[in-house]
Amino acid sequence: MELNTVSQSDFVKLAKVIWLKAKESVPSSARASGLFKDIAISANSGNTREFSEIDLEEYAAYKGESDQAERASIQQGYSKTMTKYRIARDIGISYEMRTENKYPEVSARLTSLGKMGPNRLDLDLSHRITFCTATSYTDMDGRTIATTVGDGFQLAYTAHTLAGSSTTFRNRLAGNAQLAKGSLENMEKLIVEETYNQFGQKMVMGFDILFTSDDPNTMNMAKQLLKSGSDLAAPNAGVINVQQGSYRHVVLPRLATDKSGAPDSSKRRYWGLASSEMSSAYLGVWEDAHLKQPAALNAGEEFSTDDWNFGVRMGYGIVVVSASWLKFSSGDGVS
C-alpha cells in the first residue's frame, strides 16, 4: 500500500499495527527474568505504593500437656516506598514523508518509536542490579536514583542489618570471583550461611535463578555449569555434574551498561543467584507502554508545519525492599 493513497485515518490505523508489532518484538529480558515482581496498579489510586516485610518465627515451640500454646512472634521488617514516574518520546511525520512514497522511512521511524518505552524500562530494571554496589546512581536524564534497600544500604553489601536482631549478613561474595565451579559453590555457601529472617534465624530459601550479563565468556561458563553432563573438573567419564539443571540461566543484555545504556566493560562479569519466589524487587506499572497518536481536535497535526505527531508514553515505579533474596559477585576479583 502506498502511503500517498491513504487517508489520515487509515494511516493512523496502520501506525497502530506497526507500533504493536515493534513493541512485541522487544525482548523484555529484565521484566521477564523473574528477578522482579510485576504489579499492575490501577488509575486514580495515587502515585506511590509502600512495600514492607513481615516475618514470623521460623519454629514452633514445645507444648506441655494441657499447656496453652505460645503465640508466634511477628516481626515488622523494613519498608520502601515506590514512586511513579513517566517516560516519553515523540516523533513527527512530515507531510512530505506521508505523501512522497517514503513508506520504508515512515515505517522504520514508527518501529523505532515503539521500542523506546520497553527498552527504557528494561534499562531501568537492569540498572538496579548494575548499580547494586552503590546507594544511588545518576540516570541518563540526570536524575539521582536511590538503590538502597530497606535497611539503608546498597542492594549488594557485606553487612546488611535485620529489624529484629543484631545479626548482620552479607549477600556479596567475598573476593568477587568470576563465575566458575568453585565460585558458584562459594555463592551457594553464602546462601546456606547468610540467609536470615528478621529474627536472625536461618531461613531456607529456594534460589532458582543464575543471572549474568551477556559477556560471552560468562554466559558460556553458565551454560557449561548448568548443562554439562559430567563434572567440569572430572578426569574420568561417568562423573556426574551436580549443578546440572540447578538454576535457570537469565541473561540481562543491559546489565553491563553505563547510565546512558552504552557498554561498560567494567561490569561485564557481573553474576549472581536469586530467588524468584522470595524476591522483594517490585515493578509497579501504572501506565503500560502505549502509542499516543494524532486524531481530530487533539492537535496531533501541527497547523504551521503539517506534521503528524506520534508519541510513546509509559508510567512505572521500581523498588527493592530487602537483600536476602539475591547473592551477587562483580566478577572483578576486587575484595
C-alpha atoms as a PDB file:
ATOM      1  CA  MET A   1       0.000   0.000   0.000  1.00  0.00           C
ATOM      2  CA  GLU A   2       1.384   3.394  -0.991  1.00  0.00           C
ATOM      3  CA  LEU A   3       1.198   5.998   1.746  1.00  0.00           C
ATOM      4  CA  ASN A   4       0.208   8.732  -0.668  1.00  0.00           C
ATOM      5  CA  THR A   5      -3.047   6.909  -1.435  1.00  0.00           C
ATOM      6  CA  VAL A   6      -4.372   6.524   2.087  1.00  0.00           C
ATOM      7  CA  SER A   7      -6.311   8.943   4.233  1.00  0.00           C
ATOM      8  CA  GLN A   8      -5.161  10.107   7.654  1.00  0.00           C
ATOM      9  CA  SER A   9      -7.482   7.724   9.498  1.00  0.00           C
ATOM     10  CA  ASP A  10      -6.195   4.728   7.536  1.00  0.00           C
ATOM     11  CA  PHE A  11      -2.608   5.773   8.140  1.00  0.00           C
ATOM     12  CA  VAL A  12      -3.175   6.076  11.885  1.00  0.00           C
ATOM     13  CA  LYS A  13      -4.613   2.582  11.888  1.00  0.00           C
ATOM     14  CA  LEU A  14      -1.540   1.351  10.042  1.00  0.00           C
ATOM     15  CA  ALA A  15       0.738   3.099  12.536  1.00  0.00           C
ATOM     16  CA  LYS A  16      -1.010   1.330  15.389  1.00  0.00           C
ATOM     17  CA  VAL A  17      -0.348  -2.060  13.812  1.00  0.00           C
ATOM     18  CA  ILE A  18       3.304  -1.197  13.250  1.00  0.00           C
ATOM     19  CA  TRP A  19       3.590   0.001  16.868  1.00  0.00           C
ATOM     20  CA  LEU A  20       2.220  -3.178  18.366  1.00  0.00           C
ATOM     21  CA  LYS A  21       4.455  -5.320  16.205  1.00  0.00           C
ATOM     22  CA  ALA A  22       7.509  -3.341  17.279  1.00  0.00           C
ATOM     23  CA  LYS A  23       6.548  -3.464  20.946  1.00  0.00           C
ATOM     24  CA  GLU A  24       6.108  -7.223  20.904  1.00  0.00           C
ATOM     25  CA  SER A  25       9.454  -7.757  19.189  1.00  0.00           C
ATOM     26  CA  VAL A  26      11.417  -6.167  22.050  1.00  0.00           C
ATOM     27  CA  PRO A  27      12.979  -8.787  24.352  1.00  0.00           C
ATOM     28  CA  SER A  28      11.942  -7.670  27.850  1.00  0.00           C
ATOM     29  CA  SER A  29      14.810  -9.518  29.472  1.00  0.00           C
ATOM     30  CA  ALA A  30      14.739  -7.944  32.929  1.00  0.00           C
ATOM     31  CA  ARG A  31      10.958  -7.705  33.205  1.00  0.00           C
ATOM     32  CA  ALA A  32      10.520 -11.356  32.249  1.00  0.00           C
ATOM     33  CA  SER A  33      13.516 -12.610  34.243  1.00  0.00           C
ATOM     34  CA  GLY A  34      11.740 -13.489  37.482  1.00  0.00           C
ATOM     35  CA  LEU A  35      14.018 -11.108  39.379  1.00  0.00           C
ATOM     36  CA  PHE A  36      11.236  -8.515  39.627  1.00  0.00           C
ATOM     37  CA  LYS A  37       7.634  -8.993  40.660  1.00  0.00           C
ATOM     38  CA  ASP A  38       5.350  -7.242  38.186  1.00  0.00           C
ATOM     39  CA  ILE A  39       2.348  -5.482  39.725  1.00  0.00           C
ATOM     40  CA  ALA A  40      -0.375  -3.686  37.760  1.00  0.00           C
ATOM     41  CA  ILE A  41      -1.580  -0.555  39.557  1.00  0.00           C
ATOM     42  CA  SER A  42      -4.982   0.919  38.791  1.00  0.00           C
ATOM     43  CA  ALA A  43      -5.568   4.504  37.748  1.00  0.00           C
ATOM     44  CA  ASN A  44      -6.774   7.128  40.246  1.00  0.00           C
ATOM     45  CA  SER A  45      -5.107   5.325  43.135  1.00  0.00           C
ATOM     46  CA  GLY A  46      -2.245   7.675  43.934  1.00  0.00           C
ATOM     47  CA  ASN A  47       1.327   7.813  42.689  1.00  0.00           C
ATOM     48  CA  THR A  48       3.042   5.866  45.490  1.00  0.00           C
ATOM     49  CA  ARG A  49       2.969   2.377  46.954  1.00  0.00           C
ATOM     50  CA  GLU A  50       4.601   1.199  50.184  1.00  0.00           C
ATOM     51  CA  PHE A  51       6.116  -2.263  50.396  1.00  0.00           C
ATOM     52  CA  SER A  52       7.093  -3.862  53.690  1.00  0.00           C
ATOM     53  CA  GLU A  53       8.400  -7.140  55.072  1.00  0.00           C
ATOM     54  CA  ILE A  54       6.663  -9.068  57.827  1.00  0.00           C
ATOM     55  CA  ASP A  55       8.288 -12.194  59.273  1.00  0.00           C
ATOM     56  CA  LEU A  56       7.018 -14.968  61.521  1.00  0.00           C
ATOM     57  CA  GLU A  57       9.313 -17.003  63.713  1.00  0.00           C
ATOM     58  CA  GLU A  58      10.772 -19.985  61.903  1.00  0.00           C
ATOM     59  CA  TYR A  59       9.922 -22.665  64.502  1.00  0.00           C
ATOM     60  CA  ALA A  60       7.063 -23.872  66.663  1.00  0.00           C
ATOM     61  CA  ALA A  61       7.601 -24.204  70.461  1.00  0.00           C
ATOM     62  CA  TYR A  62       7.193 -27.132  72.831  1.00  0.00           C
ATOM     63  CA  LYS A  63       3.689 -27.520  74.298  1.00  0.00           C
ATOM     64  CA  GLY A  64       3.263 -29.467  77.526  1.00  0.00           C
ATOM     65  CA  GLU A  65       0.163 -31.431  78.419  1.00  0.00           C
ATOM     66  CA  SER A  66      -2.818 -29.069  78.896  1.00  0.00           C
ATOM     67  CA  ASP A  67      -0.498 -26.063  78.487  1.00  0.00           C
ATOM     68  CA  GLN A  68      -1.598 -23.131  76.406  1.00  0.00           C
ATOM     69  CA  ALA A  69       0.215 -22.903  73.087  1.00  0.00           C
ATOM     70  CA  GLU A  70       2.609 -19.985  72.768  1.00  0.00           C
ATOM     71  CA  ARG A  71       1.709 -17.203  70.396  1.00  0.00           C
ATOM     72  CA  ALA A  72       4.029 -16.853  67.420  1.00  0.00           C
ATOM     73  CA  SER A  73       6.036 -13.647  67.306  1.00  0.00           C
ATOM     74  CA  ILE A  74       5.621 -11.368  64.335  1.00  0.00           C
ATOM     75  CA  GLN A  75       8.410  -9.020  63.318  1.00  0.00           C
ATOM     76  CA  GLN A  76       7.814  -5.966  61.174  1.00  0.00           C
ATOM     77  CA  GLY A  77      10.700  -5.660  58.745  1.00  0.00           C
ATOM     78  CA  TYR A  78      11.876  -2.725  56.685  1.00  0.00           C
ATOM     79  CA  SER A  79       9.736  -0.709  54.289  1.00  0.00           C
ATOM     80  CA  LYS A  80      10.339   1.071  50.990  1.00  0.00           C
ATOM     81  CA  THR A  81       8.092   3.470  49.103  1.00  0.00           C
ATOM     82  CA  MET A  82       7.712   3.213  45.343  1.00  0.00           C
ATOM     83  CA  THR A  83       7.015   6.427  43.442  1.00  0.00           C
ATOM     84  CA  LYS A  84       5.664   6.513  39.912  1.00  0.00           C
ATOM     85  CA  TYR A  85       7.413   8.369  37.121  1.00  0.00           C
ATOM     86  CA  ARG A  86       6.601   8.676  33.426  1.00  0.00           C
ATOM     87  CA  ILE A  87       8.780   8.257  30.378  1.00  0.00           C
ATOM     88  CA  ALA A  88       8.012   9.578  26.899  1.00  0.00           C
ATOM     89  CA  ARG A  89       9.324  10.195  23.398  1.00  0.00           C
ATOM     90  CA  ASP A  90       7.684  11.980  20.476  1.00  0.00           C
ATOM     91  CA  ILE A  91       8.299  11.731  16.760  1.00  0.00           C
ATOM     92  CA  GLY A  92       6.987  13.822  13.891  1.00  0.00           C
ATOM     93  CA  ILE A  93       5.941  12.543  10.475  1.00  0.00           C
ATOM     94  CA  SER A  94       6.135  15.310   7.905  1.00  0.00           C
ATOM     95  CA  TYR A  95       3.671  15.907   5.101  1.00  0.00           C
ATOM     96  CA  GLU A  96       6.339  15.023   2.567  1.00  0.00           C
ATOM     97  CA  MET A  97       7.120  11.741   4.316  1.00  0.00           C
ATOM     98  CA  ARG A  98       3.454  10.842   4.128  1.00  0.00           C
ATOM     99  CA  THR A  99       2.853  11.811   0.535  1.00  0.00           C
ATOM    100  CA  GLU A 100       6.042  11.141  -1.405  1.00  0.00           C
ATOM    101  CA  ASN A 101       6.131   7.350  -1.314  1.00  0.00           C
ATOM    102  CA  LYS A 102       8.581   7.086   1.582  1.00  0.00           C
ATOM    103  CA  TYR A 103       6.855   4.168   3.270  1.00  0.00           C
ATOM    104  CA  PRO A 104      10.087   2.439   4.467  1.00  0.00           C
ATOM    105  CA  GLU A 105      11.321   5.563   6.237  1.00  0.00           C
ATOM    106  CA  VAL A 106       7.991   6.200   7.954  1.00  0.00           C
ATOM    107  CA  SER A 107       7.661   2.569   8.986  1.00  0.00           C
ATOM    108  CA  ALA A 108      11.191   2.466  10.404  1.00  0.00           C
ATOM    109  CA  ARG A 109      10.652   5.620  12.429  1.00  0.00           C
ATOM    110  CA  LEU A 110       7.446   4.311  13.967  1.00  0.00           C
ATOM    111  CA  THR A 111       9.055   0.934  14.667  1.00  0.00           C
ATOM    112  CA  SER A 112      11.936   2.630  16.473  1.00  0.00           C
ATOM    113  CA  LEU A 113       9.483   4.708  18.494  1.00  0.00           C
ATOM    114  CA  GLY A 114       7.634   1.576  19.535  1.00  0.00           C
ATOM    115  CA  LYS A 115      10.797   0.096  21.057  1.00  0.00           C
ATOM    116  CA  MET A 116      11.758   3.113  23.150  1.00  0.00           C
ATOM    117  CA  GLY A 117       9.381   2.616  26.086  1.00  0.00           C
ATOM    118  CA  PRO A 118      10.040  -1.098  26.741  1.00  0.00           C
ATOM    119  CA  ASN A 119      13.764  -0.567  26.114  1.00  0.00           C
ATOM    120  CA  ARG A 120      13.933   2.169  28.747  1.00  0.00           C
ATOM    121  CA  LEU A 121      12.044   0.030  31.248  1.00  0.00           C
ATOM    122  CA  ASP A 122      14.452  -2.838  30.618  1.00  0.00           C
ATOM    123  CA  LEU A 123      17.405  -0.482  31.171  1.00  0.00           C
ATOM    124  CA  ASP A 124      15.944   0.908  34.402  1.00  0.00           C
ATOM    125  CA  LEU A 125      15.258  -2.567  35.779  1.00  0.00           C
ATOM    126  CA  SER A 126      18.689  -3.859  34.781  1.00  0.00           C
ATOM    127  CA  HIS A 127      20.370  -0.871  36.402  1.00  0.00           C
ATOM    128  CA  ARG A 128      19.009  -1.872  39.796  1.00  0.00           C
ATOM    129  CA  ILE A 129      21.498  -4.737  39.516  1.00  0.00           C
ATOM    130  CA  THR A 130      24.131  -2.807  37.538  1.00  0.00           C
ATOM    131  CA  PHE A 131      24.463  -0.258  40.339  1.00  0.00           C
ATOM    132  CA  CYS A 132      23.674  -2.628  43.205  1.00  0.00           C
ATOM    133  CA  THR A 133      27.045  -1.943  44.872  1.00  0.00           C
ATOM    134  CA  ALA A 134      26.216   1.775  45.256  1.00  0.00           C
ATOM    135  CA  THR A 135      23.500   3.584  47.205  1.00  0.00           C
ATOM    136  CA  SER A 136      22.485   5.653  44.180  1.00  0.00           C
ATOM    137  CA  TYR A 137      23.306   6.418  40.574  1.00  0.00           C
ATOM    138  CA  THR A 138      22.573   9.195  38.096  1.00  0.00           C
ATOM    139  CA  ASP A 139      20.428   8.092  35.169  1.00  0.00           C
ATOM    140  CA  MET A 140      20.530   9.339  31.573  1.00  0.00           C
ATOM    141  CA  ASP A 141      18.116  12.157  32.426  1.00  0.00           C
ATOM    142  CA  GLY A 142      20.338  13.441  35.243  1.00  0.00           C
ATOM    143  CA  ARG A 143      18.031  12.189  37.999  1.00  0.00           C
ATOM    144  CA  THR A 144      19.508  10.660  41.149  1.00  0.00           C
ATOM    145  CA  ILE A 145      18.083   7.162  41.543  1.00  0.00           C
ATOM    146  CA  ALA A 146      18.286   5.618  45.023  1.00  0.00           C
ATOM    147  CA  THR A 147      19.404   1.984  45.025  1.00  0.00           C
ATOM    148  CA  THR A 148      19.219   1.366  48.767  1.00  0.00           C
ATOM    149  CA  VAL A 149      17.065  -1.348  50.287  1.00  0.00           C
ATOM    150  CA  GLY A 150      15.037  -1.025  53.473  1.00  0.00           C
ATOM    151  CA  ASP A 151      17.998  -1.088  55.875  1.00  0.00           C
ATOM    152  CA  GLY A 152      19.541   1.927  54.128  1.00  0.00           C
ATOM    153  CA  PHE A 153      22.418   0.050  52.497  1.00  0.00           C
ATOM    154  CA  GLN A 154      23.030  -0.785  48.857  1.00  0.00           C
ATOM    155  CA  LEU A 155      21.467  -3.964  47.498  1.00  0.00           C
ATOM    156  CA  ALA A 156      24.783  -5.884  47.356  1.00  0.00           C
ATOM    157  CA  TYR A 157      26.555  -5.317  50.676  1.00  0.00           C
ATOM    158  CA  THR A 158      28.674  -7.112  53.282  1.00  0.00           C
ATOM    159  CA  ALA A 159      26.782  -6.179  56.477  1.00  0.00           C
ATOM    160  CA  HIS A 160      23.026  -5.873  55.969  1.00  0.00           C
ATOM    161  CA  THR A 161      21.025  -5.437  59.164  1.00  0.00           C
ATOM    162  CA  LEU A 162      17.853  -7.077  60.461  1.00  0.00           C
ATOM    163  CA  ALA A 163      14.911  -5.330  62.101  1.00  0.00           C
ATOM    164  CA  GLY A 164      14.525  -7.821  64.970  1.00  0.00           C
ATOM    165  CA  SER A 165      18.095  -8.951  65.601  1.00  0.00           C
ATOM    166  CA  SER A 166      21.615  -7.612  65.985  1.00  0.00           C
ATOM    167  CA  THR A 167      22.797 -10.180  63.424  1.00  0.00           C
ATOM    168  CA  THR A 168      24.178  -8.852  60.153  1.00  0.00           C
ATOM    169  CA  PHE A 169      24.559 -10.708  56.882  1.00  0.00           C
ATOM    170  CA  ARG A 170      26.370 -10.333  53.585  1.00  0.00           C
ATOM    171  CA  ASN A 171      24.985 -11.012  50.132  1.00  0.00           C
ATOM    172  CA  ARG A 172      28.072 -10.002  48.151  1.00  0.00           C
ATOM    173  CA  LEU A 173      30.553 -12.780  47.510  1.00  0.00           C
ATOM    174  CA  ALA A 174      33.887 -12.300  49.274  1.00  0.00           C
ATOM    175  CA  GLY A 175      36.615 -11.762  46.699  1.00  0.00           C
ATOM    176  CA  ASN A 176      34.069 -11.154  43.890  1.00  0.00           C
ATOM    177  CA  ALA A 177      35.299 -14.082  41.827  1.00  0.00           C
ATOM    178  CA  GLN A 178      34.278 -14.688  38.224  1.00  0.00           C
ATOM    179  CA  LEU A 179      31.654 -17.334  37.589  1.00  0.00           C
ATOM    180  CA  ALA A 180      33.235 -20.799  37.816  1.00  0.00           C
ATOM    181  CA  LYS A 181      32.567 -24.107  39.534  1.00  0.00           C
ATOM    182  CA  GLY A 182      34.348 -23.082  42.735  1.00  0.00           C
ATOM    183  CA  SER A 183      32.853 -19.586  42.945  1.00  0.00           C
ATOM    184  CA  LEU A 184      29.363 -20.958  42.324  1.00  0.00           C
ATOM    185  CA  GLU A 185      29.806 -23.331  45.263  1.00  0.00           C
ATOM    186  CA  ASN A 186      31.044 -20.436  47.400  1.00  0.00           C
ATOM    187  CA  MET A 187      27.937 -18.470  46.395  1.00  0.00           C
ATOM    188  CA  GLU A 188      25.793 -21.426  47.435  1.00  0.00           C
ATOM    189  CA  LYS A 189      27.639 -21.493  50.741  1.00  0.00           C
ATOM    190  CA  LEU A 190      26.698 -17.826  51.114  1.00  0.00           C
ATOM    191  CA  ILE A 191      23.062 -18.828  50.652  1.00  0.00           C
ATOM    192  CA  VAL A 192      23.339 -21.524  53.314  1.00  0.00           C
ATOM    193  CA  GLU A 193      25.175 -19.439  55.913  1.00  0.00           C
ATOM    194  CA  GLU A 194      23.995 -15.877  55.251  1.00  0.00           C
ATOM    195  CA  THR A 195      20.230 -16.050  54.671  1.00  0.00           C
ATOM    196  CA  TYR A 196      18.141 -14.955  57.673  1.00  0.00           C
ATOM    197  CA  ASN A 197      14.653 -13.883  58.606  1.00  0.00           C
ATOM    198  CA  GLN A 198      14.164 -10.701  60.657  1.00  0.00           C
ATOM    199  CA  PHE A 199      14.651 -12.657  63.915  1.00  0.00           C
ATOM    200  CA  GLY A 200      18.168 -13.690  62.895  1.00  0.00           C
ATOM    201  CA  GLN A 201      17.112 -17.294  62.316  1.00  0.00           C
ATOM    202  CA  LYS A 202      18.441 -19.248  59.372  1.00  0.00           C
ATOM    203  CA  MET A 203      15.956 -19.126  56.530  1.00  0.00           C
ATOM    204  CA  VAL A 204      15.771 -21.885  53.940  1.00  0.00           C
ATOM    205  CA  MET A 205      15.077 -20.112  50.680  1.00  0.00           C
ATOM    206  CA  GLY A 206      14.929 -21.694  47.242  1.00  0.00           C
ATOM    207  CA  PHE A 207      17.292 -19.976  44.816  1.00  0.00           C
ATOM    208  CA  ASP A 208      16.358 -20.808  41.234  1.00  0.00           C
ATOM    209  CA  ILE A 209      17.970 -18.135  39.025  1.00  0.00           C
ATOM    210  CA  LEU A 210      21.571 -17.777  37.884  1.00  0.00           C
ATOM    211  CA  PHE A 211      21.817 -14.347  36.244  1.00  0.00           C
ATOM    212  CA  THR A 212      24.680 -12.980  34.170  1.00  0.00           C
ATOM    213  CA  SER A 213      25.460 -10.191  31.749  1.00  0.00           C
ATOM    214  CA  ASP A 214      25.721 -11.025  28.039  1.00  0.00           C
ATOM    215  CA  ASP A 215      29.507 -11.365  28.240  1.00  0.00           C
ATOM    216  CA  PRO A 216      30.227 -14.459  26.067  1.00  0.00           C
ATOM    217  CA  ASN A 217      32.766 -15.949  28.462  1.00  0.00           C
ATOM    218  CA  THR A 218      30.442 -15.619  31.459  1.00  0.00           C
ATOM    219  CA  MET A 219      27.407 -16.874  29.542  1.00  0.00           C
ATOM    220  CA  ASN A 220      29.292 -19.885  28.210  1.00  0.00           C
ATOM    221  CA  MET A 221      30.550 -20.745  31.680  1.00  0.00           C
ATOM    222  CA  ALA A 222      26.967 -20.624  32.952  1.00  0.00           C
ATOM    223  CA  LYS A 223      25.900 -22.974  30.152  1.00  0.00           C
ATOM    224  CA  GLN A 224      28.725 -25.371  30.968  1.00  0.00           C
ATOM    225  CA  LEU A 225      27.888 -25.388  34.661  1.00  0.00           C
ATOM    226  CA  LEU A 226      24.172 -25.947  34.141  1.00  0.00           C
ATOM    227  CA  LYS A 227      24.111 -28.170  31.055  1.00  0.00           C
ATOM    228  CA  SER A 228      27.270 -30.256  31.107  1.00  0.00           C
ATOM    229  CA  GLY A 229      26.550 -33.926  31.718  1.00  0.00           C
ATOM    230  CA  SER A 230      29.673 -34.506  33.801  1.00  0.00           C
ATOM    231  CA  ASP A 231      31.651 -32.572  36.373  1.00  0.00           C
ATOM    232  CA  LEU A 232      33.749 -29.916  34.636  1.00  0.00           C
ATOM    233  CA  ALA A 233      36.830 -30.862  36.660  1.00  0.00           C
ATOM    234  CA  ALA A 234      36.382 -34.627  36.366  1.00  0.00           C
ATOM    235  CA  PRO A 235      39.216 -36.559  34.661  1.00  0.00           C
ATOM    236  CA  ASN A 236      37.035 -39.594  34.023  1.00  0.00           C
ATOM    237  CA  ALA A 237      33.759 -40.094  32.201  1.00  0.00           C
ATOM    238  CA  GLY A 238      30.706 -41.047  34.218  1.00  0.00           C
ATOM    239  CA  VAL A 239      31.224 -38.450  36.959  1.00  0.00           C
ATOM    240  CA  ILE A 240      28.001 -36.503  37.299  1.00  0.00           C
ATOM    241  CA  ASN A 241      27.689 -32.723  37.247  1.00  0.00           C
ATOM    242  CA  VAL A 242      25.825 -31.875  40.453  1.00  0.00           C
ATOM    243  CA  GLN A 243      24.998 -28.386  39.128  1.00  0.00           C
ATOM    244  CA  GLN A 244      23.207 -29.654  36.032  1.00  0.00           C
ATOM    245  CA  GLY A 245      19.762 -28.072  35.853  1.00  0.00           C
ATOM    246  CA  SER A 246      20.078 -26.489  39.308  1.00  0.00           C
ATOM    247  CA  TYR A 247      19.199 -22.993  38.128  1.00  0.00           C
ATOM    248  CA  ARG A 248      17.514 -21.191  35.280  1.00  0.00           C
ATOM    249  CA  HIS A 249      20.073 -19.073  33.431  1.00  0.00           C
ATOM    250  CA  VAL A 250      18.861 -15.495  32.933  1.00  0.00           C
ATOM    251  CA  VAL A 251      20.858 -13.209  30.646  1.00  0.00           C
ATOM    252  CA  LEU A 252      20.469  -9.458  31.196  1.00  0.00           C
ATOM    253  CA  PRO A 253      21.768  -7.785  27.997  1.00  0.00           C
ATOM    254  CA  ARG A 254      21.662  -4.305  29.519  1.00  0.00           C
ATOM    255  CA  LEU A 255      23.365  -5.251  32.794  1.00  0.00           C
ATOM    256  CA  ALA A 256      26.875  -4.232  31.704  1.00  0.00           C
ATOM    257  CA  THR A 257      25.990  -0.695  30.626  1.00  0.00           C
ATOM    258  CA  ASP A 258      26.538   2.837  31.872  1.00  0.00           C
ATOM    259  CA  LYS A 259      23.801   5.314  32.767  1.00  0.00           C
ATOM    260  CA  SER A 260      23.104   6.042  29.092  1.00  0.00           C
ATOM    261  CA  GLY A 261      22.907   2.419  28.032  1.00  0.00           C
ATOM    262  CA  ALA A 262      26.373   2.329  26.436  1.00  0.00           C
ATOM    263  CA  PRO A 263      28.534  -0.775  27.065  1.00  0.00           C
ATOM    264  CA  ASP A 264      30.541  -0.716  30.294  1.00  0.00           C
ATOM    265  CA  SER A 265      33.264  -3.367  30.203  1.00  0.00           C
ATOM    266  CA  SER A 266      33.990  -2.968  33.918  1.00  0.00           C
ATOM    267  CA  LYS A 267      30.667  -4.672  34.655  1.00  0.00           C
ATOM    268  CA  ARG A 268      30.758  -7.414  32.045  1.00  0.00           C
ATOM    269  CA  ARG A 269      31.462 -10.223  34.526  1.00  0.00           C
ATOM    270  CA  TYR A 270      28.609  -9.427  36.920  1.00  0.00           C
ATOM    271  CA  TRP A 271      26.673 -12.519  38.003  1.00  0.00           C
ATOM    272  CA  GLY A 272      24.656 -13.844  40.883  1.00  0.00           C
ATOM    273  CA  LEU A 273      21.981 -16.140  42.248  1.00  0.00           C
ATOM    274  CA  ALA A 274      18.426 -15.113  43.079  1.00  0.00           C
ATOM    275  CA  SER A 275      15.133 -16.471  44.381  1.00  0.00           C
ATOM    276  CA  SER A 276      12.181 -15.614  42.154  1.00  0.00           C
ATOM    277  CA  GLU A 277       9.725 -16.731  44.854  1.00  0.00           C
ATOM    278  CA  MET A 278      11.224 -14.616  47.642  1.00  0.00           C
ATOM    279  CA  SER A 279      12.263 -11.622  45.536  1.00  0.00           C
ATOM    280  CA  SER A 280      11.340  -8.287  47.081  1.00  0.00           C
ATOM    281  CA  ALA A 281      12.162  -6.304  43.934  1.00  0.00           C
ATOM    282  CA  TYR A 282       8.937  -4.812  42.615  1.00  0.00           C
ATOM    283  CA  LEU A 283       7.923  -3.220  39.336  1.00  0.00           C
ATOM    284  CA  GLY A 284       4.701  -1.260  39.661  1.00  0.00           C
ATOM    285  CA  VAL A 285       3.074  -0.378  36.337  1.00  0.00           C
ATOM    286  CA  TRP A 286       0.595   2.480  36.400  1.00  0.00           C
ATOM    287  CA  GLU A 287       0.646   3.008  32.630  1.00  0.00           C
ATOM    288  CA  ASP A 288       1.958   0.339  30.289  1.00  0.00           C
ATOM    289  CA  ALA A 289       3.677   1.372  27.071  1.00  0.00           C
ATOM    290  CA  HIS A 290       1.183   2.787  24.593  1.00  0.00           C
ATOM    291  CA  LEU A 291       1.057   4.923  21.473  1.00  0.00           C
ATOM    292  CA  LYS A 292      -0.155   8.496  21.512  1.00  0.00           C
ATOM    293  CA  GLN A 293      -1.381   9.259  18.004  1.00  0.00           C
ATOM    294  CA  PRO A 294      -2.960  12.103  16.046  1.00  0.00           C
ATOM    295  CA  ALA A 295      -6.728  12.369  15.980  1.00  0.00           C
ATOM    296  CA  ALA A 296      -9.296  15.005  15.215  1.00  0.00           C
ATOM    297  CA  LEU A 297      -9.098  18.058  17.518  1.00  0.00           C
ATOM    298  CA  ASN A 298      -6.188  16.743  19.626  1.00  0.00           C
ATOM    299  CA  ALA A 299      -3.528  18.882  17.946  1.00  0.00           C
ATOM    300  CA  GLY A 300      -1.926  15.767  16.509  1.00  0.00           C
ATOM    301  CA  GLU A 301      -1.309  17.698  13.308  1.00  0.00           C
ATOM    302  CA  GLU A 302       0.693  20.878  13.653  1.00  0.00           C
ATOM    303  CA  PHE A 303      -1.080  23.682  11.813  1.00  0.00           C
ATOM    304  CA  SER A 304       2.013  25.503  10.514  1.00  0.00           C
ATOM    305  CA  THR A 305       4.147  22.508   9.530  1.00  0.00           C
ATOM    306  CA  ASP A 306       1.535  19.886   8.579  1.00  0.00           C
ATOM    307  CA  ASP A 307       3.478  17.349  10.664  1.00  0.00           C
ATOM    308  CA  TRP A 308       1.703  14.495  12.369  1.00  0.00           C
ATOM    309  CA  ASN A 309       2.991  13.790  15.872  1.00  0.00           C
ATOM    310  CA  PHE A 310       3.228  10.344  17.440  1.00  0.00           C
ATOM    311  CA  GLY A 311       4.475   9.554  20.912  1.00  0.00           C
ATOM    312  CA  VAL A 312       5.184   6.690  23.293  1.00  0.00           C
ATOM    313  CA  ARG A 313       4.159   7.004  26.947  1.00  0.00           C
ATOM    314  CA  MET A 314       4.718   4.775  29.978  1.00  0.00           C
ATOM    315  CA  GLY A 315       4.458   5.184  33.752  1.00  0.00           C
ATOM    316  CA  TYR A 316       6.011   2.909  36.380  1.00  0.00           C
ATOM    317  CA  GLY A 317       7.989   2.669  39.606  1.00  0.00           C
ATOM    318  CA  ILE A 318      10.722   0.316  40.842  1.00  0.00           C
ATOM    319  CA  VAL A 319      11.671  -0.523  44.413  1.00  0.00           C
ATOM    320  CA  VAL A 320      13.710  -3.204  46.212  1.00  0.00           C
ATOM    321  CA  VAL A 321      12.752  -3.823  49.840  1.00  0.00           C
ATOM    322  CA  SER A 322      15.379  -6.267  51.103  1.00  0.00           C
ATOM    323  CA  ALA A 323      18.571  -8.039  50.043  1.00  0.00           C
ATOM    324  CA  SER A 324      18.149 -11.587  51.346  1.00  0.00           C
ATOM    325  CA  TRP A 325      16.781 -12.971  48.063  1.00  0.00           C
ATOM    326  CA  LEU A 326      19.854 -12.061  45.992  1.00  0.00           C
ATOM    327  CA  LYS A 327      23.540 -13.042  46.143  1.00  0.00           C
ATOM    328  CA  PHE A 328      25.953 -11.111  43.935  1.00  0.00           C
ATOM    329  CA  SER A 329      29.509 -11.035  42.592  1.00  0.00           C
ATOM    330  CA  SER A 330      31.026  -8.298  40.444  1.00  0.00           C
ATOM    331  CA  GLY A 331      33.432 -10.854  38.958  1.00  0.00           C
ATOM    332  CA  ASP A 332      36.356  -8.431  39.042  1.00  0.00           C
ATOM    333  CA  GLY A 333      38.312 -10.117  41.823  1.00  0.00           C
ATOM    334  CA  VAL A 334      38.255  -6.984  43.970  1.00  0.00           C
ATOM    335  CA  SER A 335      37.613  -7.693  47.647  1.00  0.00           C
END
